Protein backbone atom coordinates (compact mmCIF):
# COMPACT_ATOMS: atom_id res chain seq x y z
CA UNK A 1 35.89 112.28 58.96
CA UNK A 2 34.27 115.03 61.10
CA UNK A 3 31.36 117.11 59.79
CA UNK A 4 33.56 120.21 59.92
CA UNK A 5 36.32 118.63 57.87
CA UNK A 6 33.83 117.28 55.31
CA UNK A 7 32.20 120.69 55.10
CA UNK A 8 35.50 122.38 54.32
CA UNK A 9 36.98 119.71 52.05
CA UNK A 10 33.86 119.29 49.91
CA UNK A 11 31.85 122.49 50.25
CA UNK A 12 33.62 125.60 51.52
CA UNK A 13 37.30 124.89 50.81
CA UNK A 14 37.04 125.00 47.01
CA UNK A 15 35.46 128.50 47.13
CA UNK A 16 37.17 129.88 50.23
CA UNK A 17 39.65 132.14 48.42
CA UNK A 18 36.79 133.58 46.37
CA UNK A 19 34.77 134.03 49.58
CA UNK A 20 37.68 135.99 51.08
CA UNK A 21 37.71 138.39 48.13
CA UNK A 22 40.64 136.83 46.28
CA UNK A 23 44.11 135.88 47.41
CA UNK A 24 45.76 139.29 47.13
CA UNK A 25 43.01 141.15 48.99
CA UNK A 26 43.03 138.54 51.76
CA UNK A 27 46.83 138.61 52.07
CA UNK A 28 46.73 142.40 52.33
CA UNK A 29 44.33 142.11 55.28
CA UNK A 30 46.53 139.45 56.86
CA UNK A 31 49.58 141.67 56.35
CA UNK A 32 47.80 144.46 58.21
CA UNK A 33 47.09 142.19 61.18
CA UNK A 34 50.66 140.89 61.34
CA UNK A 35 51.94 144.48 61.23
CA UNK A 36 49.54 145.52 64.00
CA UNK A 37 50.71 142.60 66.14
CA UNK A 38 54.35 143.62 65.72
CA UNK A 39 55.56 140.17 64.66
CA UNK A 40 58.94 140.77 63.05
CA UNK A 41 62.21 138.91 62.58
CA UNK A 42 64.58 138.39 64.31
CA UNK A 43 62.58 138.70 67.56
CA UNK A 44 60.08 136.24 66.09
CA UNK A 45 62.34 133.60 64.56
CA UNK A 46 59.81 130.76 64.23
CA UNK A 47 56.00 130.79 64.21
CA UNK A 48 53.16 128.27 64.13
CA UNK A 49 49.91 129.02 62.30
CA UNK A 50 47.07 126.73 63.39
CA UNK A 51 44.16 126.66 60.95
CA UNK A 52 46.42 128.35 58.42
CA UNK A 53 44.00 127.91 55.52
CA UNK A 54 45.36 129.38 52.29
CA UNK A 55 48.02 131.37 54.16
CA UNK A 56 46.37 134.66 55.05
CA UNK A 57 48.73 135.08 58.01
CA UNK A 58 51.43 132.49 57.28
CA UNK A 59 52.46 134.14 54.02
CA UNK A 60 52.88 137.66 55.49
CA UNK A 61 54.94 136.13 58.31
CA UNK A 62 57.13 134.23 55.86
CA UNK A 63 57.58 137.34 53.72
CA UNK A 64 59.20 138.88 56.80
CA UNK A 65 61.72 136.06 56.82
CA UNK A 66 60.02 134.16 59.66
CA UNK A 67 59.87 130.37 59.14
CA UNK A 68 56.30 129.14 59.66
CA UNK A 69 54.79 125.76 60.47
CA UNK A 70 51.31 125.98 58.89
CA UNK A 71 48.76 123.33 59.90
CA UNK A 72 45.22 122.87 58.64
CA UNK A 73 42.82 119.95 58.21
CA UNK A 74 41.54 121.17 54.82
CA UNK A 75 43.70 119.86 51.97
CA UNK A 76 42.22 122.15 49.24
CA UNK A 77 43.15 125.20 51.31
CA UNK A 78 46.65 123.91 51.99
CA UNK A 79 47.07 123.34 48.25
CA UNK A 80 46.22 127.03 47.73
CA UNK A 81 48.77 127.97 50.39
CA UNK A 82 51.49 125.93 48.72
CA UNK A 83 50.82 127.53 45.34
CA UNK A 84 50.85 131.04 46.79
CA UNK A 85 53.94 130.56 49.00
CA UNK A 86 56.43 129.00 46.61
CA UNK A 87 59.94 129.94 47.67
CA UNK A 88 58.88 131.12 51.14
CA UNK A 89 59.95 129.43 54.42
CA UNK A 90 56.62 127.71 55.11
CA UNK A 91 56.15 124.05 56.01
CA UNK A 92 52.50 123.18 55.32
CA UNK A 93 50.99 120.09 56.95
CA UNK A 94 47.53 118.54 56.90
CA UNK A 95 46.65 117.42 60.40
CA UNK A 96 45.03 117.94 63.78
CA UNK A 97 45.76 121.33 65.34
CA UNK A 98 46.04 119.77 68.80
CA UNK A 99 48.99 117.64 67.68
CA UNK A 100 51.11 120.57 66.52
CA UNK A 101 53.89 119.99 69.07
CA UNK A 102 54.83 116.71 67.34
CA UNK A 103 55.82 118.71 64.25
CA UNK A 104 57.84 121.52 65.85
CA UNK A 105 61.38 121.94 64.55
CA UNK A 106 62.36 124.45 67.26
CA UNK A 107 60.75 126.52 69.99
CA UNK A 108 58.22 128.95 68.48
CA UNK A 109 58.09 132.57 69.55
CA UNK A 110 54.51 132.93 68.31
CA UNK A 111 51.54 130.60 67.83
CA UNK A 112 48.60 131.90 65.84
CA UNK A 113 45.08 130.46 65.79
CA UNK A 114 43.11 133.06 63.88
CA UNK A 115 40.18 133.54 61.53
CA UNK A 116 37.59 131.83 63.79
CA UNK A 117 39.55 128.56 63.85
CA UNK A 118 39.17 128.28 67.62
CA UNK A 119 35.40 127.86 67.41
CA UNK A 120 35.86 124.85 65.08
CA UNK A 121 37.19 122.72 67.93
CA UNK A 122 34.59 120.20 69.12
CA UNK A 123 34.45 121.19 72.80
CA UNK A 124 35.62 123.69 75.39
CA UNK A 125 37.80 120.95 76.84
CA UNK A 126 39.73 120.81 73.56
CA UNK A 127 40.04 124.60 73.53
CA UNK A 128 41.58 124.37 77.00
CA UNK A 129 43.84 121.57 75.80
CA UNK A 130 45.06 123.78 72.95
CA UNK A 131 45.85 126.55 75.42
CA UNK A 132 47.78 124.08 77.59
CA UNK A 133 49.72 122.75 74.60
CA UNK A 134 50.59 126.31 73.59
CA UNK A 135 51.75 127.13 77.12
CA UNK A 136 54.05 124.10 77.05
CA UNK A 137 55.43 124.96 73.61
CA UNK A 138 56.09 128.68 74.05
CA UNK A 139 59.03 130.18 75.93
CA UNK A 140 58.73 132.99 78.45
CA UNK A 141 57.57 136.05 76.54
CA UNK A 142 56.22 134.02 73.62
CA UNK A 143 52.76 134.87 72.31
CA UNK A 144 49.58 132.95 71.57
CA UNK A 145 47.43 135.05 69.23
CA UNK A 146 43.77 134.22 68.72
CA UNK A 147 40.92 135.68 66.73
CA UNK A 148 37.41 134.28 66.79
CA UNK A 149 33.81 135.31 66.39
CA UNK A 150 31.66 135.88 69.47
CA UNK A 151 28.45 133.85 69.00
CA UNK A 152 27.26 134.23 72.59
CA UNK A 153 24.47 136.65 71.63
CA UNK A 154 21.97 134.69 69.60
CA UNK A 155 20.68 136.48 66.52
CA UNK A 156 16.99 136.11 65.75
CA UNK A 157 14.66 136.29 62.78
CA UNK A 158 16.14 137.60 59.55
CA UNK A 159 19.38 138.55 61.37
CA UNK A 160 20.35 134.88 61.17
CA UNK A 161 20.69 135.11 57.37
CA UNK A 162 24.09 136.62 56.57
CA UNK A 163 25.11 137.47 52.99
CA UNK A 164 28.78 136.53 52.65
CA UNK A 165 29.68 137.32 49.03
CA UNK A 166 28.07 137.34 45.60
CA UNK A 167 28.95 138.01 41.97
CA UNK A 168 27.56 137.05 38.58
CA UNK A 169 28.59 133.41 38.98
CA UNK A 170 28.26 132.64 42.67
CA UNK A 171 26.21 133.61 45.74
CA UNK A 172 27.12 132.51 49.29
CA UNK A 173 24.71 133.04 52.17
CA UNK A 174 25.14 131.82 55.75
CA UNK A 175 22.28 130.87 58.09
CA UNK A 176 22.86 130.48 61.85
CA UNK A 177 20.88 128.12 64.11
CA UNK A 178 21.64 128.51 67.82
CA UNK A 179 21.88 125.71 70.38
CA UNK A 180 23.19 125.64 73.93
CA UNK A 181 26.99 125.68 73.65
CA UNK A 182 27.08 125.57 69.85
CA UNK A 183 25.77 127.30 66.77
CA UNK A 184 25.05 125.37 63.58
CA UNK A 185 26.33 127.20 60.51
CA UNK A 186 24.48 126.45 57.26
CA UNK A 187 26.34 127.62 54.14
CA UNK A 188 24.02 128.02 51.14
CA UNK A 189 26.03 128.23 47.94
CA UNK A 190 24.41 129.04 44.58
CA UNK A 191 26.59 128.66 41.48
CA UNK A 192 25.64 129.43 37.91
CA UNK A 193 25.17 126.25 35.88
CA UNK A 194 24.65 127.14 32.24
CA UNK A 195 21.55 129.31 32.01
CA UNK A 196 20.40 128.48 35.54
CA UNK A 197 21.63 128.15 39.09
CA UNK A 198 22.59 125.13 41.16
CA UNK A 199 22.25 125.16 44.94
CA UNK A 200 24.54 123.29 47.34
CA UNK A 201 23.96 123.31 51.10
CA UNK A 202 26.17 122.04 53.90
CA UNK A 203 26.31 122.63 57.65
CA UNK A 204 28.66 122.25 60.58
CA UNK A 205 28.85 123.34 64.23
CA UNK A 206 30.91 126.02 65.92
CA UNK A 207 31.43 126.68 69.62
CA UNK A 208 29.84 129.70 71.27
CA UNK A 209 32.90 130.94 73.16
CA UNK A 210 32.51 133.80 75.60
CA UNK A 211 35.59 136.06 75.23
CA UNK A 212 35.69 136.54 79.02
CA UNK A 213 35.89 132.75 79.45
CA UNK A 214 38.73 132.58 76.92
CA UNK A 215 40.64 135.29 78.80
CA UNK A 216 40.18 133.43 82.10
CA UNK A 217 41.25 130.10 80.59
CA UNK A 218 44.41 131.69 79.19
CA UNK A 219 45.24 133.42 82.47
CA UNK A 220 44.85 130.10 84.32
CA UNK A 221 47.64 128.70 82.12
CA UNK A 222 50.14 131.45 82.79
CA UNK A 223 49.28 133.83 79.93
CA UNK A 224 48.75 137.57 80.16
CA UNK A 225 45.93 138.10 77.63
CA UNK A 226 45.08 141.43 76.01
CA UNK A 227 41.74 141.66 74.24
CA UNK A 228 41.22 143.83 71.17
CA UNK A 229 39.33 144.06 67.89
CA UNK A 230 40.17 141.75 65.00
CA UNK A 231 39.10 141.70 61.36
CA UNK A 232 35.44 141.57 60.31
CA UNK A 233 34.11 142.08 63.82
CA UNK A 234 36.09 139.25 65.39
CA UNK A 235 37.56 139.30 68.88
CA UNK A 236 41.37 139.28 68.89
CA UNK A 237 43.38 138.22 71.93
CA UNK A 238 47.16 138.46 72.15
CA UNK A 239 48.32 136.41 75.13
CA UNK A 240 51.93 136.62 76.28
CA UNK A 241 53.34 133.73 78.28
CA UNK A 242 54.67 134.71 81.68
C-alpha cells in the first residue's frame, strides 16, 4: 500500500468530512463549482469523478440527474459518499484513478479530477498518462476539469505551518517540507482524549506541479485548456477536447 493511501485510510480519511467543515457545507461549495462550470443534463449525460472522496462534486452532479462514476482509493471516504448519496445515480468504486477507462459504462462528457487529487499522483509521467487516458475517453467537445494547489513557490519559516481546522475536540495543522519535484505534507492531528490531548502525525508526498506545465501538457494532447481560480486558492483548469 502506498504512503498516500495509508495516510488517507488510517489518518486523514476518518476526519476528512470534519476537516472540510461538515458534509453540507462542503457539498454547498461543490455545488457552487459545478454551477460555475456549467455542467448540466442533458448536455452532460455521464461524468467521471476521479478522487471523488466523500462526493463533494459527484453528489451535486448526480442531483442534476447526471450519472457519475466516482473513483477513489480511500475506502472510508467512499463509505461517506455512499451514505450521503443514497438514491442518486452514482457508482462508487475503490481503485486506481489511472484505470478508470476499464470501468466506463458509456462515453463520458466530463471527467473531473479536483480538490488537489492531481498532485497525489506519484510522478509527472503518471499525470501525463492521466491526461492521455482522458483524451482517449472523451469525445470531441468533452471536458477534463482539474483543480490543484500550486506548490511551486516554496514557503519558508513559520509560513510552512498551516492551521487547517480546530474546535473543542480536534485540532489539525499541516506542515510543508519542500524537496525538488515534491513537497512532503505532514498532518498533525490533536484529538481530545478524556481530560487531555492525543497527538497523531502522518506524512505523504505531493507533486509540485507548475500550472503552466499542466496547460502545456494538456494542449499537447489535443485539449484547449482555460485556467481560472478554484476553491481555497487552488488553480482550476477546464480543458475542452478538440
